[in-house]
């Protein structure tokens, strides 16, 4: 997350989590002094099809019904477009109220993942809700497209799961792997984390190895003006991290992906998805 002209991009829809997505995106934009872009994406819908299953509908009646359904779909699309504009306007107002001066609004049509891949070059940090409108009433469930987005994009992605709380205590799951070291490097080089307290957490069976890994990571964080708390844990990684998160009032979790340790197959796989589903705080994936 070096200083450049790329934007903090927030995916906004009509779900209850959208306000928090806008708030976290505005907070990040303010911390790293970057423009903020608010995106409302409209998915393509399948064309209207009228099936004459009973055989009792004549050709003329069928054509008339098709015309009516097409008109209804056009009206629905127009309403969704207008609703999206209002959602974007509300999100922009929230961002401006938080002090962000460079705020852009954007509506796109198409699949969310495809849209984000097209915009990837201009993304500095992506902020998304853990689930969209379709699953707003299903706590613990991830949005249908979230996993696809996580696998497709190679940008830092913050997944938001509750209303905005200004982070002061973050947790970095750190195992000394190449991915974890990249995450640590991004963390220490970004103004986003300056002045925070970082809980550097290792989960493994080798206590001495964990101590050495943590000390190296802590030295890098201290050099970047980030206060460090080290934790050398053993047990099942996801369970230990979630328990530690709750016990120490962690407000944001930071993770890398695709390590070369025993977490290699789990990171950005079942492990990451499990953490996303169970975590009580936003999770920032550093790619």
C-alpha atoms as a PDB file:
ATOM      1  CA  UNK A   1       0.000   0.000   0.000  1.00  0.00           C
ATOM      2  CA  UNK A   2       2.581   2.513  -1.128  1.00  0.00           C
ATOM      3  CA  UNK A   3       1.600   6.112  -1.719  1.00  0.00           C
ATOM      4  CA  UNK A   4       0.062   6.431  -5.214  1.00  0.00           C
ATOM      5  CA  UNK A   5      -3.011   7.661  -7.022  1.00  0.00           C
ATOM      6  CA  UNK A   6      -5.010   4.458  -6.761  1.00  0.00           C
ATOM      7  CA  UNK A   7      -8.309   4.611  -4.934  1.00  0.00           C
ATOM      8  CA  UNK A   8      -9.940   3.043  -1.940  1.00  0.00           C
ATOM      9  CA  UNK A   9     -12.887   1.248  -3.557  1.00  0.00           C
ATOM     10  CA  UNK A  10     -16.019   0.439  -1.548  1.00  0.00           C
ATOM     11  CA  UNK A  11     -18.642  -1.988  -2.844  1.00  0.00           C
ATOM     12  CA  UNK A  12     -22.025  -0.562  -1.824  1.00  0.00           C
ATOM     13  CA  UNK A  13     -25.473  -2.133  -2.134  1.00  0.00           C
ATOM     14  CA  UNK A  14     -28.719  -1.780  -0.222  1.00  0.00           C
ATOM     15  CA  UNK A  15     -27.771  -4.163   2.586  1.00  0.00           C
ATOM     16  CA  UNK A  16     -27.616  -3.123   6.223  1.00  0.00           C
ATOM     17  CA  UNK A  17     -23.816  -3.469   6.213  1.00  0.00           C
ATOM     18  CA  UNK A  18     -23.364  -0.865   3.443  1.00  0.00           C
ATOM     19  CA  UNK A  19     -23.144   2.067   5.861  1.00  0.00           C
ATOM     20  CA  UNK A  20     -20.301   0.347   7.719  1.00  0.00           C
ATOM     21  CA  UNK A  21     -18.555  -0.455   4.427  1.00  0.00           C
ATOM     22  CA  UNK A  22     -18.711   3.232   3.495  1.00  0.00           C
ATOM     23  CA  UNK A  23     -17.434   4.260   6.939  1.00  0.00           C
ATOM     24  CA  UNK A  24     -14.464   1.879   6.927  1.00  0.00           C
ATOM     25  CA  UNK A  25     -13.583   2.875   3.367  1.00  0.00           C
ATOM     26  CA  UNK A  26     -13.747   6.566   4.302  1.00  0.00           C
ATOM     27  CA  UNK A  27     -11.579   5.923   7.364  1.00  0.00           C
ATOM     28  CA  UNK A  28      -8.960   4.132   5.239  1.00  0.00           C
ATOM     29  CA  UNK A  29      -9.023   6.857   2.582  1.00  0.00           C
ATOM     30  CA  UNK A  30      -8.431   9.475   5.258  1.00  0.00           C
ATOM     31  CA  UNK A  31      -5.590   7.534   6.879  1.00  0.00           C
ATOM     32  CA  UNK A  32      -3.691   6.864   3.654  1.00  0.00           C
ATOM     33  CA  UNK A  33      -4.683  10.134   1.921  1.00  0.00           C
ATOM     34  CA  UNK A  34      -6.257   8.432  -1.080  1.00  0.00           C
ATOM     35  CA  UNK A  35      -9.326   9.168  -3.220  1.00  0.00           C
ATOM     36  CA  UNK A  36     -12.468   7.209  -2.368  1.00  0.00           C
ATOM     37  CA  UNK A  37     -14.586   5.526  -5.027  1.00  0.00           C
ATOM     38  CA  UNK A  38     -18.034   4.178  -4.157  1.00  0.00           C
ATOM     39  CA  UNK A  39     -19.247   1.400  -6.445  1.00  0.00           C
ATOM     40  CA  UNK A  40     -22.823   0.184  -6.850  1.00  0.00           C
ATOM     41  CA  UNK A  41     -22.916  -2.864  -9.114  1.00  0.00           C
ATOM     42  CA  UNK A  42     -26.088  -4.070 -10.824  1.00  0.00           C
ATOM     43  CA  UNK A  43     -26.046  -7.733 -11.750  1.00  0.00           C
ATOM     44  CA  UNK A  44     -27.310  -8.766 -15.179  1.00  0.00           C
ATOM     45  CA  UNK A  45     -30.586 -10.671 -15.004  1.00  0.00           C
ATOM     46  CA  UNK A  46     -31.655 -13.518 -17.235  1.00  0.00           C
ATOM     47  CA  UNK A  47     -33.983 -12.520 -20.103  1.00  0.00           C
ATOM     48  CA  UNK A  48     -37.694 -12.913 -19.437  1.00  0.00           C
ATOM     49  CA  UNK A  49     -38.977 -16.296 -20.634  1.00  0.00           C
ATOM     50  CA  UNK A  50     -42.632 -17.288 -20.804  1.00  0.00           C
ATOM     51  CA  UNK A  51     -43.275 -21.033 -20.719  1.00  0.00           C
ATOM     52  CA  UNK A  52     -46.636 -22.330 -21.981  1.00  0.00           C
ATOM     53  CA  UNK A  53     -46.628 -25.408 -19.812  1.00  0.00           C
ATOM     54  CA  UNK A  54     -50.388 -25.973 -19.864  1.00  0.00           C
ATOM     55  CA  UNK A  55     -50.857 -25.640 -23.611  1.00  0.00           C
ATOM     56  CA  UNK A  56     -53.892 -23.454 -22.965  1.00  0.00           C
ATOM     57  CA  UNK A  57     -52.266 -20.092 -23.672  1.00  0.00           C
ATOM     58  CA  UNK A  58     -52.592 -18.996 -27.271  1.00  0.00           C
ATOM     59  CA  UNK A  59     -49.773 -17.424 -29.244  1.00  0.00           C
ATOM     60  CA  UNK A  60     -51.288 -13.951 -29.038  1.00  0.00           C
ATOM     61  CA  UNK A  61     -51.816 -14.197 -25.287  1.00  0.00           C
ATOM     62  CA  UNK A  62     -48.294 -15.468 -24.831  1.00  0.00           C
ATOM     63  CA  UNK A  63     -46.833 -12.552 -26.787  1.00  0.00           C
ATOM     64  CA  UNK A  64     -48.917 -10.081 -24.797  1.00  0.00           C
ATOM     65  CA  UNK A  65     -47.767 -11.635 -21.521  1.00  0.00           C
ATOM     66  CA  UNK A  66     -44.154 -11.485 -22.666  1.00  0.00           C
ATOM     67  CA  UNK A  67     -44.527  -7.789 -23.480  1.00  0.00           C
ATOM     68  CA  UNK A  68     -45.997  -7.089 -20.038  1.00  0.00           C
ATOM     69  CA  UNK A  69     -43.222  -8.999 -18.287  1.00  0.00           C
ATOM     70  CA  UNK A  70     -40.596  -7.179 -20.334  1.00  0.00           C
ATOM     71  CA  UNK A  71     -42.133  -3.831 -19.381  1.00  0.00           C
ATOM     72  CA  UNK A  72     -42.187  -4.851 -15.720  1.00  0.00           C
ATOM     73  CA  UNK A  73     -38.530  -5.875 -15.888  1.00  0.00           C
ATOM     74  CA  UNK A  74     -37.623  -2.538 -17.473  1.00  0.00           C
ATOM     75  CA  UNK A  75     -39.458  -0.697 -14.684  1.00  0.00           C
ATOM     76  CA  UNK A  76     -37.744  -2.859 -12.089  1.00  0.00           C
ATOM     77  CA  UNK A  77     -34.316  -2.114 -13.571  1.00  0.00           C
ATOM     78  CA  UNK A  78     -35.062   1.609 -13.554  1.00  0.00           C
ATOM     79  CA  UNK A  79     -36.137   1.451  -9.901  1.00  0.00           C
ATOM     80  CA  UNK A  80     -32.994  -0.489  -8.946  1.00  0.00           C
ATOM     81  CA  UNK A  81     -30.868   2.062 -10.775  1.00  0.00           C
ATOM     82  CA  UNK A  82     -32.489   4.940  -8.890  1.00  0.00           C
ATOM     83  CA  UNK A  83     -32.217   3.087  -5.574  1.00  0.00           C
ATOM     84  CA  UNK A  84     -28.533   2.515  -6.290  1.00  0.00           C
ATOM     85  CA  UNK A  85     -27.994   6.212  -6.917  1.00  0.00           C
ATOM     86  CA  UNK A  86     -29.612   7.007  -3.573  1.00  0.00           C
ATOM     87  CA  UNK A  87     -27.482   4.401  -1.791  1.00  0.00           C
ATOM     88  CA  UNK A  88     -24.352   5.918  -3.338  1.00  0.00           C
ATOM     89  CA  UNK A  89     -25.436   9.436  -2.416  1.00  0.00           C
ATOM     90  CA  UNK A  90     -26.005   8.421   1.204  1.00  0.00           C
ATOM     91  CA  UNK A  91     -22.612   6.701   1.350  1.00  0.00           C
ATOM     92  CA  UNK A  92     -20.910   9.760  -0.150  1.00  0.00           C
ATOM     93  CA  UNK A  93     -22.539  11.986   2.469  1.00  0.00           C
ATOM     94  CA  UNK A  94     -21.168   9.728   5.225  1.00  0.00           C
ATOM     95  CA  UNK A  95     -17.677   9.826   3.740  1.00  0.00           C
ATOM     96  CA  UNK A  96     -17.703  13.606   3.383  1.00  0.00           C
ATOM     97  CA  UNK A  97     -18.898  13.915   6.990  1.00  0.00           C
ATOM     98  CA  UNK A  98     -15.826  11.884   8.005  1.00  0.00           C
ATOM     99  CA  UNK A  99     -13.547  14.375   6.274  1.00  0.00           C
ATOM    100  CA  UNK A 100     -12.935  12.737   2.891  1.00  0.00           C
ATOM    101  CA  UNK A 101     -12.859  15.406   0.189  1.00  0.00           C
ATOM    102  CA  UNK A 102     -12.221  13.329  -2.945  1.00  0.00           C
ATOM    103  CA  UNK A 103     -15.265  11.064  -3.287  1.00  0.00           C
ATOM    104  CA  UNK A 104     -16.461   9.582  -6.573  1.00  0.00           C
ATOM    105  CA  UNK A 105     -19.622   7.579  -7.245  1.00  0.00           C
ATOM    106  CA  UNK A 106     -19.904   4.851  -9.856  1.00  0.00           C
ATOM    107  CA  UNK A 107     -22.597   2.470 -11.099  1.00  0.00           C
ATOM    108  CA  UNK A 108     -21.706  -0.562 -13.206  1.00  0.00           C
ATOM    109  CA  UNK A 109     -23.667  -3.408 -14.789  1.00  0.00           C
ATOM    110  CA  UNK A 110     -22.436  -6.995 -14.804  1.00  0.00           C
ATOM    111  CA  UNK A 111     -21.047  -9.612 -12.458  1.00  0.00           C
ATOM    112  CA  UNK A 112     -19.378  -8.187  -9.356  1.00  0.00           C
ATOM    113  CA  UNK A 113     -16.183 -10.202  -9.709  1.00  0.00           C
ATOM    114  CA  UNK A 114     -15.823  -9.298 -13.383  1.00  0.00           C
ATOM    115  CA  UNK A 115     -16.401  -5.623 -12.577  1.00  0.00           C
ATOM    116  CA  UNK A 116     -13.781  -5.621  -9.819  1.00  0.00           C
ATOM    117  CA  UNK A 117     -11.231  -7.420 -11.996  1.00  0.00           C
ATOM    118  CA  UNK A 118     -11.737  -4.721 -14.648  1.00  0.00           C
ATOM    119  CA  UNK A 119     -11.153  -2.033 -12.007  1.00  0.00           C
ATOM    120  CA  UNK A 120      -8.277  -3.826 -10.252  1.00  0.00           C
ATOM    121  CA  UNK A 121      -5.504  -1.587 -11.589  1.00  0.00           C
ATOM    122  CA  UNK A 122      -7.050   1.471  -9.942  1.00  0.00           C
ATOM    123  CA  UNK A 123      -7.722  -0.213  -6.583  1.00  0.00           C
ATOM    124  CA  UNK A 124      -5.456   0.499  -3.632  1.00  0.00           C
ATOM    125  CA  UNK A 125      -7.684  -1.140  -1.022  1.00  0.00           C
ATOM    126  CA  UNK A 126     -11.028  -2.851  -1.639  1.00  0.00           C
ATOM    127  CA  UNK A 127     -13.717  -2.730   1.055  1.00  0.00           C
ATOM    128  CA  UNK A 128     -16.668  -5.139   0.898  1.00  0.00           C
ATOM    129  CA  UNK A 129     -19.436  -6.286   3.205  1.00  0.00           C
ATOM    130  CA  UNK A 130     -19.347  -9.880   4.360  1.00  0.00           C
ATOM    131  CA  UNK A 131     -22.728 -10.460   2.742  1.00  0.00           C
ATOM    132  CA  UNK A 132     -25.047  -8.508   0.476  1.00  0.00           C
ATOM    133  CA  UNK A 133     -28.765  -7.856   0.291  1.00  0.00           C
ATOM    134  CA  UNK A 134     -29.620 -11.465  -0.566  1.00  0.00           C
ATOM    135  CA  UNK A 135     -28.207 -12.797   2.731  1.00  0.00           C
ATOM    136  CA  UNK A 136     -28.651  -9.822   5.043  1.00  0.00           C
ATOM    137  CA  UNK A 137     -30.774 -11.892   7.447  1.00  0.00           C
ATOM    138  CA  UNK A 138     -28.346 -14.845   7.607  1.00  0.00           C
ATOM    139  CA  UNK A 139     -25.620 -14.106  10.183  1.00  0.00           C
ATOM    140  CA  UNK A 140     -22.575 -16.333   9.848  1.00  0.00           C
ATOM    141  CA  UNK A 141     -23.112 -16.846   6.134  1.00  0.00           C
ATOM    142  CA  UNK A 142     -20.716 -15.393   3.594  1.00  0.00           C
ATOM    143  CA  UNK A 143     -22.000 -13.641   0.502  1.00  0.00           C
ATOM    144  CA  UNK A 144     -22.207 -15.840  -2.593  1.00  0.00           C
ATOM    145  CA  UNK A 145     -19.583 -13.870  -4.507  1.00  0.00           C
ATOM    146  CA  UNK A 146     -17.139 -13.065  -1.715  1.00  0.00           C
ATOM    147  CA  UNK A 147     -14.956 -16.157  -2.124  1.00  0.00           C
ATOM    148  CA  UNK A 148     -14.722 -15.607  -5.875  1.00  0.00           C
ATOM    149  CA  UNK A 149     -13.639 -11.995  -5.336  1.00  0.00           C
ATOM    150  CA  UNK A 150     -11.020 -13.032  -2.768  1.00  0.00           C
ATOM    151  CA  UNK A 151      -9.539 -15.568  -5.165  1.00  0.00           C
ATOM    152  CA  UNK A 152      -9.654 -13.312  -8.228  1.00  0.00           C
ATOM    153  CA  UNK A 153      -8.207 -10.030  -6.968  1.00  0.00           C
ATOM    154  CA  UNK A 154      -4.648  -9.332  -5.845  1.00  0.00           C
ATOM    155  CA  UNK A 155      -5.244  -6.231  -3.794  1.00  0.00           C
ATOM    156  CA  UNK A 156      -5.683  -5.674  -0.041  1.00  0.00           C
ATOM    157  CA  UNK A 157      -9.313  -6.498   0.759  1.00  0.00           C
ATOM    158  CA  UNK A 158     -11.124  -5.480   3.944  1.00  0.00           C
ATOM    159  CA  UNK A 159     -14.199  -7.591   4.671  1.00  0.00           C
ATOM    160  CA  UNK A 160     -16.610  -5.713   6.954  1.00  0.00           C
ATOM    161  CA  UNK A 161     -18.973  -7.578   9.262  1.00  0.00           C
ATOM    162  CA  UNK A 162     -20.340  -4.990  11.713  1.00  0.00           C
ATOM    163  CA  UNK A 163     -20.877  -1.282  12.199  1.00  0.00           C
ATOM    164  CA  UNK A 164     -17.850   0.994  12.100  1.00  0.00           C
ATOM    165  CA  UNK A 165     -15.517   1.154  15.074  1.00  0.00           C
ATOM    166  CA  UNK A 166     -12.280   3.087  14.687  1.00  0.00           C
ATOM    167  CA  UNK A 167      -9.543   0.454  15.009  1.00  0.00           C
ATOM    168  CA  UNK A 168      -6.875   0.999  17.629  1.00  0.00           C
ATOM    169  CA  UNK A 169      -5.963  -2.641  18.314  1.00  0.00           C
ATOM    170  CA  UNK A 170      -5.262  -4.953  15.386  1.00  0.00           C
ATOM    171  CA  UNK A 171      -4.115  -8.564  15.241  1.00  0.00           C
ATOM    172  CA  UNK A 172      -1.735 -10.022  12.666  1.00  0.00           C
ATOM    173  CA  UNK A 173      -1.754 -13.808  12.345  1.00  0.00           C
ATOM    174  CA  UNK A 174       1.964 -14.384  11.801  1.00  0.00           C
ATOM    175  CA  UNK A 175       3.775 -17.662  11.117  1.00  0.00           C
ATOM    176  CA  UNK A 176       6.960 -16.395   9.482  1.00  0.00           C
ATOM    177  CA  UNK A 177       5.933 -17.694   6.052  1.00  0.00           C
ATOM    178  CA  UNK A 178       6.538 -15.775   2.843  1.00  0.00           C
ATOM    179  CA  UNK A 179       2.905 -14.657   2.789  1.00  0.00           C
ATOM    180  CA  UNK A 180       2.992 -13.554   6.426  1.00  0.00           C
ATOM    181  CA  UNK A 181       6.207 -11.613   5.806  1.00  0.00           C
ATOM    182  CA  UNK A 182       4.626  -9.867   2.826  1.00  0.00           C
ATOM    183  CA  UNK A 183       1.659  -8.949   5.002  1.00  0.00           C
ATOM    184  CA  UNK A 184       4.035  -7.647   7.677  1.00  0.00           C
ATOM    185  CA  UNK A 185       5.906  -5.584   5.083  1.00  0.00           C
ATOM    186  CA  UNK A 186       2.675  -4.042   3.802  1.00  0.00           C
ATOM    187  CA  UNK A 187       1.558  -3.366   7.349  1.00  0.00           C
ATOM    188  CA  UNK A 188       4.795  -1.606   8.317  1.00  0.00           C
ATOM    189  CA  UNK A 189       4.961   0.458   5.113  1.00  0.00           C
ATOM    190  CA  UNK A 190       1.401   1.794   5.206  1.00  0.00           C
ATOM    191  CA  UNK A 191       0.332   4.940   7.091  1.00  0.00           C
ATOM    192  CA  UNK A 192      -2.933   3.129   7.802  1.00  0.00           C
ATOM    193  CA  UNK A 193      -1.514   1.415  10.886  1.00  0.00           C
ATOM    194  CA  UNK A 194       0.728   4.117  12.346  1.00  0.00           C
ATOM    195  CA  UNK A 195       0.185   4.645  16.067  1.00  0.00           C
ATOM    196  CA  UNK A 196      -1.862   1.481  16.531  1.00  0.00           C
ATOM    197  CA  UNK A 197      -1.260  -1.466  18.825  1.00  0.00           C
ATOM    198  CA  UNK A 198      -0.588  -4.653  16.851  1.00  0.00           C
ATOM    199  CA  UNK A 199      -1.051  -8.021  18.518  1.00  0.00           C
ATOM    200  CA  UNK A 200       1.391 -10.282  16.691  1.00  0.00           C
ATOM    201  CA  UNK A 201       0.077 -13.825  17.135  1.00  0.00           C
ATOM    202  CA  UNK A 202       1.833 -17.082  16.309  1.00  0.00           C
ATOM    203  CA  UNK A 203       0.057 -20.442  16.580  1.00  0.00           C
ATOM    204  CA  UNK A 204       2.283 -23.522  16.511  1.00  0.00           C
ATOM    205  CA  UNK A 205       3.729 -26.415  18.491  1.00  0.00           C
ATOM    206  CA  UNK A 206       7.358 -25.224  18.557  1.00  0.00           C
ATOM    207  CA  UNK A 207       7.595 -22.587  21.300  1.00  0.00           C
ATOM    208  CA  UNK A 208      11.214 -21.638  20.554  1.00  0.00           C
ATOM    209  CA  UNK A 209      10.514 -21.264  16.846  1.00  0.00           C
ATOM    210  CA  UNK A 210       7.486 -19.161  17.642  1.00  0.00           C
ATOM    211  CA  UNK A 211       9.510 -16.921  19.939  1.00  0.00           C
ATOM    212  CA  UNK A 212      12.132 -16.280  17.238  1.00  0.00           C
ATOM    213  CA  UNK A 213       9.528 -15.606  14.558  1.00  0.00           C
ATOM    214  CA  UNK A 214       7.607 -13.218  16.786  1.00  0.00           C
ATOM    215  CA  UNK A 215      10.711 -11.274  17.793  1.00  0.00           C
ATOM    216  CA  UNK A 216      11.726 -10.692  14.175  1.00  0.00           C
ATOM    217  CA  UNK A 217       8.225  -9.514  13.344  1.00  0.00           C
ATOM    218  CA  UNK A 218       8.052  -7.323  16.433  1.00  0.00           C
ATOM    219  CA  UNK A 219      11.317  -5.586  15.539  1.00  0.00           C
ATOM    220  CA  UNK A 220       9.902  -4.633  12.135  1.00  0.00           C
ATOM    221  CA  UNK A 221       6.692  -3.282  13.668  1.00  0.00           C
ATOM    222  CA  UNK A 222       8.484  -1.256  16.334  1.00  0.00           C
ATOM    223  CA  UNK A 223      10.633   0.303  13.632  1.00  0.00           C
ATOM    224  CA  UNK A 224       7.439   1.437  11.895  1.00  0.00           C
ATOM    225  CA  UNK A 225       6.064   3.200  14.999  1.00  0.00           C
ATOM    226  CA  UNK A 226       3.593   0.420  15.754  1.00  0.00           C
ATOM    227  CA  UNK A 227       3.277  -0.789  19.332  1.00  0.00           C
ATOM    228  CA  UNK A 228       3.560  -4.566  19.595  1.00  0.00           C
ATOM    229  CA  UNK A 229       2.058  -7.225  21.845  1.00  0.00           C
ATOM    230  CA  UNK A 230       3.426 -10.720  21.174  1.00  0.00           C
ATOM    231  CA  UNK A 231       1.429 -13.921  21.688  1.00  0.00           C
ATOM    232  CA  UNK A 232       2.928 -17.398  21.258  1.00  0.00           C
ATOM    233  CA  UNK A 233       0.020 -19.857  21.190  1.00  0.00           C
ATOM    234  CA  UNK A 234      -0.445 -23.528  20.427  1.00  0.00           C
ATOM    235  CA  UNK A 235      -3.553 -25.388  19.346  1.00  0.00           C
ATOM    236  CA  UNK A 236      -5.939 -25.278  16.399  1.00  0.00           C
ATOM    237  CA  UNK A 237      -5.107 -22.032  14.534  1.00  0.00           C
ATOM    238  CA  UNK A 238      -8.592 -20.722  13.786  1.00  0.00           C
ATOM    239  CA  UNK A 239      -9.893 -21.500  17.278  1.00  0.00           C
ATOM    240  CA  UNK A 240      -6.885 -19.942  19.005  1.00  0.00           C
ATOM    241  CA  UNK A 241      -7.016 -16.806  16.865  1.00  0.00           C
ATOM    242  CA  UNK A 242     -10.747 -16.310  17.387  1.00  0.00           C
ATOM    243  CA  UNK A 243     -10.450 -16.814  21.142  1.00  0.00           C
ATOM    244  CA  UNK A 244      -7.517 -14.401  21.373  1.00  0.00           C
ATOM    245  CA  UNK A 245      -9.404 -11.883  19.262  1.00  0.00           C
ATOM    246  CA  UNK A 246     -12.333 -11.854  21.667  1.00  0.00           C
ATOM    247  CA  UNK A 247     -10.274 -11.917  24.870  1.00  0.00           C
ATOM    248  CA  UNK A 248      -8.123  -8.928  23.920  1.00  0.00           C
ATOM    249  CA  UNK A 249     -10.684  -6.645  22.309  1.00  0.00           C
ATOM    250  CA  UNK A 250      -9.138  -6.846  18.841  1.00  0.00           C
ATOM    251  CA  UNK A 251     -10.889  -4.446  16.448  1.00  0.00           C
ATOM    252  CA  UNK A 252      -9.426  -5.621  13.143  1.00  0.00           C
ATOM    253  CA  UNK A 253      -7.673  -8.791  12.065  1.00  0.00           C
ATOM    254  CA  UNK A 254      -4.927  -8.763   9.428  1.00  0.00           C
ATOM    255  CA  UNK A 255      -3.848 -11.820   7.449  1.00  0.00           C
ATOM    256  CA  UNK A 256      -1.672 -12.741   4.493  1.00  0.00           C
ATOM    257  CA  UNK A 257      -2.478 -15.534   2.055  1.00  0.00           C
ATOM    258  CA  UNK A 258      -0.822 -18.590   0.501  1.00  0.00           C
ATOM    259  CA  UNK A 259       1.936 -19.248   3.000  1.00  0.00           C
ATOM    260  CA  UNK A 260       4.533 -22.013   2.816  1.00  0.00           C
ATOM    261  CA  UNK A 261       3.967 -23.439   6.284  1.00  0.00           C
ATOM    262  CA  UNK A 262       1.273 -25.822   7.455  1.00  0.00           C
ATOM    263  CA  UNK A 263      -1.198 -22.992   6.779  1.00  0.00           C
ATOM    264  CA  UNK A 264      -0.371 -23.110   3.040  1.00  0.00           C
ATOM    265  CA  UNK A 265      -3.465 -25.012   1.930  1.00  0.00           C
ATOM    266  CA  UNK A 266      -5.727 -23.420   4.518  1.00  0.00           C
ATOM    267  CA  UNK A 267      -5.011 -19.742   3.896  1.00  0.00           C
ATOM    268  CA  UNK A 268      -7.486 -18.302   1.414  1.00  0.00           C
ATOM    269  CA  UNK A 269      -9.132 -21.706   1.568  1.00  0.00           C
ATOM    270  CA  UNK A 270     -11.219 -23.292   4.288  1.00  0.00           C
ATOM    271  CA  UNK A 271      -9.195 -21.560   7.017  1.00  0.00           C
ATOM    272  CA  UNK A 272      -9.724 -18.035   5.705  1.00  0.00           C
ATOM    273  CA  UNK A 273     -13.388 -18.664   4.953  1.00  0.00           C
ATOM    274  CA  UNK A 274     -13.855 -20.087   8.442  1.00  0.00           C
ATOM    275  CA  UNK A 275     -12.216 -17.028   9.971  1.00  0.00           C
ATOM    276  CA  UNK A 276     -14.440 -14.763   7.896  1.00  0.00           C
ATOM    277  CA  UNK A 277     -17.575 -16.616   8.923  1.00  0.00           C
ATOM    278  CA  UNK A 278     -16.736 -16.735  12.643  1.00  0.00           C
ATOM    279  CA  UNK A 279     -14.797 -13.531  13.270  1.00  0.00           C
ATOM    280  CA  UNK A 280     -16.526 -10.720  15.133  1.00  0.00           C
ATOM    281  CA  UNK A 281     -14.286  -8.011  13.656  1.00  0.00           C
ATOM    282  CA  UNK A 282     -13.400  -6.930  10.105  1.00  0.00           C
ATOM    283  CA  UNK A 283     -10.690  -8.974   8.411  1.00  0.00           C
ATOM    284  CA  UNK A 284      -8.071  -7.341   6.183  1.00  0.00           C
ATOM    285  CA  UNK A 285      -6.461  -9.708   3.685  1.00  0.00           C
ATOM    286  CA  UNK A 286      -3.108  -8.423   2.466  1.00  0.00           C
ATOM    287  CA  UNK A 287      -2.181  -9.989  -0.882  1.00  0.00           C
END
